[in-house]
Amino acid sequence: MKLTSLNINRHRRSNAAFTLIEMVLVLAIIALLVGAGVMKLTGVMDAGKEGAVKADITAITSALRLYAMKAGRMPSQEQGLRALVERPTTAPMPKSWAPQMKDLDSLMDPWDNMYQYRNPGLKGSEFDVYSLGGDRTDGTEDDIGNW
């Protein structure tokens, strides 16, 4: 049998293709690398949420102080942080009121819980503003607050 350039090109093409096993092996390696990357990023995401909470608490604390300057006092425990967004309807009524935060969504932490407010504060300040953290339980280690 005489080899022509056409036969040689066909022979090269059939040997140049990937087999199914090779493709599955490459996909498995890619899946392992992606899985390892996701596991590494989990800690980064938690640190990012903690940083966001600290920034939010600073903003809420500033808004509470502005509220106190205009209203003549801090919101009561019952009025809570909603007093920064909605005019309080329960006593003690503020002397002068203006919204200090854009909306109720700005009072939500990264875990979709409302920030907590305690007046008077239990952690040594006049008031406490804090997040329940990822476990959504009050009084645990992962709580992040203005203390």
C-alpha atoms as a PDB file:
ATOM      1  CA  MET A   1       0.000   0.000   0.000  1.00  0.00           C
ATOM      2  CA  LYS A   2       1.358   3.339  -1.039  1.00  0.00           C
ATOM      3  CA  LEU A   3       1.201   6.133   1.557  1.00  0.00           C
ATOM      4  CA  THR A   4       0.010   9.361   0.136  1.00  0.00           C
ATOM      5  CA  SER A   5      -0.144  12.710   1.866  1.00  0.00           C
ATOM      6  CA  LEU A   6      -3.910  12.231   2.230  1.00  0.00           C
ATOM      7  CA  ASN A   7      -3.447   8.966   4.121  1.00  0.00           C
ATOM      8  CA  ILE A   8      -0.762  10.482   6.374  1.00  0.00           C
ATOM      9  CA  ASN A   9      -3.037  13.446   7.307  1.00  0.00           C
ATOM     10  CA  ARG A  10      -5.905  11.078   8.197  1.00  0.00           C
ATOM     11  CA  HIS A  11      -3.563   9.005  10.336  1.00  0.00           C
ATOM     12  CA  ARG A  12      -2.339  12.113  12.206  1.00  0.00           C
ATOM     13  CA  ARG A  13      -5.875  13.424  12.809  1.00  0.00           C
ATOM     14  CA  SER A  14      -7.101  10.207  14.398  1.00  0.00           C
ATOM     15  CA  ASN A  15      -4.126  10.124  16.782  1.00  0.00           C
ATOM     16  CA  ALA A  16      -4.425  13.816  17.671  1.00  0.00           C
ATOM     17  CA  ALA A  17      -7.899  13.569  19.249  1.00  0.00           C
ATOM     18  CA  PHE A  18      -8.485  13.321  23.018  1.00  0.00           C
ATOM     19  CA  THR A  19      -9.995  10.155  24.380  1.00  0.00           C
ATOM     20  CA  LEU A  20     -13.006  10.185  26.683  1.00  0.00           C
ATOM     21  CA  ILE A  21     -10.860   9.029  29.591  1.00  0.00           C
ATOM     22  CA  GLU A  22      -8.437  11.917  29.113  1.00  0.00           C
ATOM     23  CA  MET A  23     -11.273  14.441  29.050  1.00  0.00           C
ATOM     24  CA  VAL A  24     -12.881  12.968  32.196  1.00  0.00           C
ATOM     25  CA  LEU A  25      -9.512  13.041  33.955  1.00  0.00           C
ATOM     26  CA  VAL A  26      -8.970  16.714  33.074  1.00  0.00           C
ATOM     27  CA  LEU A  27     -12.492  17.618  34.247  1.00  0.00           C
ATOM     28  CA  ALA A  28     -11.913  15.754  37.525  1.00  0.00           C
ATOM     29  CA  ILE A  29      -8.692  17.690  38.144  1.00  0.00           C
ATOM     30  CA  ILE A  30     -10.456  20.988  37.401  1.00  0.00           C
ATOM     31  CA  ALA A  31     -13.283  20.050  39.791  1.00  0.00           C
ATOM     32  CA  LEU A  32     -10.758  19.291  42.554  1.00  0.00           C
ATOM     33  CA  LEU A  33      -9.021  22.624  42.035  1.00  0.00           C
ATOM     34  CA  VAL A  34     -12.319  24.534  42.093  1.00  0.00           C
ATOM     35  CA  GLY A  35     -13.393  22.682  45.249  1.00  0.00           C
ATOM     36  CA  ALA A  36     -10.114  23.540  46.978  1.00  0.00           C
ATOM     37  CA  GLY A  37     -10.528  27.182  45.957  1.00  0.00           C
ATOM     38  CA  VAL A  38     -14.034  27.354  47.363  1.00  0.00           C
ATOM     39  CA  MET A  39     -12.848  25.884  50.666  1.00  0.00           C
ATOM     40  CA  LYS A  40     -10.094  28.507  50.891  1.00  0.00           C
ATOM     41  CA  LEU A  41     -12.506  31.351  50.095  1.00  0.00           C
ATOM     42  CA  THR A  42     -14.939  30.375  52.869  1.00  0.00           C
ATOM     43  CA  GLY A  43     -12.696  31.997  55.473  1.00  0.00           C
ATOM     44  CA  VAL A  44     -12.297  35.088  53.314  1.00  0.00           C
ATOM     45  CA  MET A  45     -16.080  35.462  53.001  1.00  0.00           C
ATOM     46  CA  ASP A  46     -16.515  35.265  56.799  1.00  0.00           C
ATOM     47  CA  ALA A  47     -13.829  37.892  57.332  1.00  0.00           C
ATOM     48  CA  GLY A  48     -15.543  40.099  54.759  1.00  0.00           C
ATOM     49  CA  LYS A  49     -18.864  39.806  56.564  1.00  0.00           C
ATOM     50  CA  GLU A  50     -17.233  40.693  59.880  1.00  0.00           C
ATOM     51  CA  GLY A  51     -15.671  43.781  58.300  1.00  0.00           C
ATOM     52  CA  ALA A  52     -19.046  44.795  56.850  1.00  0.00           C
ATOM     53  CA  VAL A  53     -20.684  44.403  60.283  1.00  0.00           C
ATOM     54  CA  LYS A  54     -18.076  46.604  61.942  1.00  0.00           C
ATOM     55  CA  ALA A  55     -18.585  49.307  59.310  1.00  0.00           C
ATOM     56  CA  ASP A  56     -22.382  49.060  59.659  1.00  0.00           C
ATOM     57  CA  ILE A  57     -22.183  49.311  63.454  1.00  0.00           C
ATOM     58  CA  THR A  58     -20.038  52.440  63.159  1.00  0.00           C
ATOM     59  CA  ALA A  59     -22.617  53.988  60.806  1.00  0.00           C
ATOM     60  CA  ILE A  60     -25.543  53.005  63.057  1.00  0.00           C
ATOM     61  CA  THR A  61     -23.750  54.360  66.141  1.00  0.00           C
ATOM     62  CA  SER A  62     -23.201  57.684  64.354  1.00  0.00           C
ATOM     63  CA  ALA A  63     -26.867  57.747  63.298  1.00  0.00           C
ATOM     64  CA  LEU A  64     -27.949  57.079  66.904  1.00  0.00           C
ATOM     65  CA  ARG A  65     -25.828  59.971  68.165  1.00  0.00           C
ATOM     66  CA  LEU A  66     -27.338  62.304  65.542  1.00  0.00           C
ATOM     67  CA  TYR A  67     -30.811  61.090  66.517  1.00  0.00           C
ATOM     68  CA  ALA A  68     -30.023  61.870  70.169  1.00  0.00           C
ATOM     69  CA  MET A  69     -28.848  65.383  69.287  1.00  0.00           C
ATOM     70  CA  LYS A  70     -32.097  66.147  67.424  1.00  0.00           C
ATOM     71  CA  ALA A  71     -34.529  64.190  69.599  1.00  0.00           C
ATOM     72  CA  GLY A  72     -32.983  65.129  72.925  1.00  0.00           C
ATOM     73  CA  ARG A  73     -32.386  61.488  73.891  1.00  0.00           C
ATOM     74  CA  MET A  74     -31.542  58.056  72.534  1.00  0.00           C
ATOM     75  CA  PRO A  75     -34.358  55.839  71.260  1.00  0.00           C
ATOM     76  CA  SER A  76     -35.859  53.672  73.973  1.00  0.00           C
ATOM     77  CA  GLN A  77     -35.385  49.921  73.986  1.00  0.00           C
ATOM     78  CA  GLU A  78     -38.954  49.556  72.670  1.00  0.00           C
ATOM     79  CA  GLN A  79     -38.452  52.077  69.857  1.00  0.00           C
ATOM     80  CA  GLY A  80     -35.245  50.360  68.867  1.00  0.00           C
ATOM     81  CA  LEU A  81     -33.278  51.037  65.711  1.00  0.00           C
ATOM     82  CA  ARG A  82     -36.489  51.548  63.723  1.00  0.00           C
ATOM     83  CA  ALA A  83     -36.537  55.059  65.193  1.00  0.00           C
ATOM     84  CA  LEU A  84     -33.661  55.861  62.848  1.00  0.00           C
ATOM     85  CA  VAL A  85     -35.865  55.142  59.817  1.00  0.00           C
ATOM     86  CA  GLU A  86     -39.474  55.604  60.965  1.00  0.00           C
ATOM     87  CA  ARG A  87     -40.870  58.265  63.275  1.00  0.00           C
ATOM     88  CA  PRO A  88     -41.476  56.681  66.704  1.00  0.00           C
ATOM     89  CA  THR A  89     -45.122  56.266  67.674  1.00  0.00           C
ATOM     90  CA  THR A  90     -44.515  55.325  71.324  1.00  0.00           C
ATOM     91  CA  ALA A  91     -43.294  57.434  74.227  1.00  0.00           C
ATOM     92  CA  PRO A  92     -40.938  59.087  74.708  1.00  0.00           C
ATOM     93  CA  MET A  93     -41.606  61.087  71.574  1.00  0.00           C
ATOM     94  CA  PRO A  94     -38.606  62.885  70.052  1.00  0.00           C
ATOM     95  CA  LYS A  95     -38.494  66.693  70.226  1.00  0.00           C
ATOM     96  CA  SER A  96     -37.433  66.884  66.599  1.00  0.00           C
ATOM     97  CA  TRP A  97     -37.248  63.921  64.225  1.00  0.00           C
ATOM     98  CA  ALA A  98     -35.686  63.283  60.848  1.00  0.00           C
ATOM     99  CA  PRO A  99     -34.699  59.932  59.345  1.00  0.00           C
ATOM    100  CA  GLN A 100     -31.075  59.105  60.071  1.00  0.00           C
ATOM    101  CA  MET A 101     -30.868  55.942  57.942  1.00  0.00           C
ATOM    102  CA  LYS A 102     -32.112  55.387  54.396  1.00  0.00           C
ATOM    103  CA  ASP A 103     -34.373  52.357  54.969  1.00  0.00           C
ATOM    104  CA  LEU A 104     -34.847  49.242  57.076  1.00  0.00           C
ATOM    105  CA  ASP A 105     -32.506  47.294  54.781  1.00  0.00           C
ATOM    106  CA  SER A 106     -29.642  49.400  56.096  1.00  0.00           C
ATOM    107  CA  LEU A 107     -30.384  47.924  59.533  1.00  0.00           C
ATOM    108  CA  MET A 108     -29.843  44.334  58.321  1.00  0.00           C
ATOM    109  CA  ASP A 109     -26.571  42.483  58.877  1.00  0.00           C
ATOM    110  CA  PRO A 110     -24.876  40.296  56.221  1.00  0.00           C
ATOM    111  CA  TRP A 111     -26.703  37.228  57.580  1.00  0.00           C
ATOM    112  CA  ASP A 112     -30.087  38.938  56.927  1.00  0.00           C
ATOM    113  CA  ASN A 113     -30.848  39.610  60.591  1.00  0.00           C
ATOM    114  CA  MET A 114     -31.825  42.969  62.015  1.00  0.00           C
ATOM    115  CA  TYR A 115     -29.032  44.591  64.039  1.00  0.00           C
ATOM    116  CA  GLN A 116     -29.799  44.420  67.746  1.00  0.00           C
ATOM    117  CA  TYR A 117     -30.100  47.460  70.009  1.00  0.00           C
ATOM    118  CA  ARG A 118     -30.002  47.564  73.797  1.00  0.00           C
ATOM    119  CA  ASN A 119     -30.549  50.712  75.852  1.00  0.00           C
ATOM    120  CA  PRO A 120     -29.011  50.854  78.394  1.00  0.00           C
ATOM    121  CA  GLY A 121     -26.059  48.814  77.201  1.00  0.00           C
ATOM    122  CA  LEU A 122     -24.782  45.750  79.035  1.00  0.00           C
ATOM    123  CA  LYS A 123     -21.239  45.819  77.697  1.00  0.00           C
ATOM    124  CA  GLY A 124     -20.048  49.030  79.352  1.00  0.00           C
ATOM    125  CA  SER A 125     -21.376  51.622  76.925  1.00  0.00           C
ATOM    126  CA  GLU A 126     -24.540  53.695  77.185  1.00  0.00           C
ATOM    127  CA  PHE A 127     -26.108  51.517  74.465  1.00  0.00           C
ATOM    128  CA  ASP A 128     -25.245  48.326  72.581  1.00  0.00           C
ATOM    129  CA  VAL A 129     -25.555  47.861  68.836  1.00  0.00           C
ATOM    130  CA  TYR A 130     -24.608  44.386  67.664  1.00  0.00           C
ATOM    131  CA  SER A 131     -25.082  41.576  65.184  1.00  0.00           C
ATOM    132  CA  LEU A 132     -26.049  38.080  66.257  1.00  0.00           C
ATOM    133  CA  GLY A 133     -23.501  36.716  63.794  1.00  0.00           C
ATOM    134  CA  GLY A 134     -23.776  33.669  61.614  1.00  0.00           C
ATOM    135  CA  ASP A 135     -25.366  31.465  64.286  1.00  0.00           C
ATOM    136  CA  ARG A 136     -28.213  33.974  64.831  1.00  0.00           C
ATOM    137  CA  THR A 137     -28.082  33.396  68.600  1.00  0.00           C
ATOM    138  CA  ASP A 138     -27.741  36.162  71.186  1.00  0.00           C
ATOM    139  CA  GLY A 139     -24.855  35.958  73.636  1.00  0.00           C
ATOM    140  CA  THR A 140     -22.521  33.654  71.707  1.00  0.00           C
ATOM    141  CA  GLU A 141     -18.883  34.122  70.685  1.00  0.00           C
ATOM    142  CA  ASP A 142     -19.642  35.214  67.143  1.00  0.00           C
ATOM    143  CA  ASP A 143     -21.692  38.266  68.185  1.00  0.00           C
ATOM    144  CA  ILE A 144     -20.087  41.462  66.871  1.00  0.00           C
ATOM    145  CA  GLY A 145     -20.896  44.753  68.548  1.00  0.00           C
ATOM    146  CA  ASN A 146     -19.821  48.230  69.546  1.00  0.00           C
ATOM    147  CA  TRP A 147     -18.010  46.903  72.590  1.00  0.00           C
END
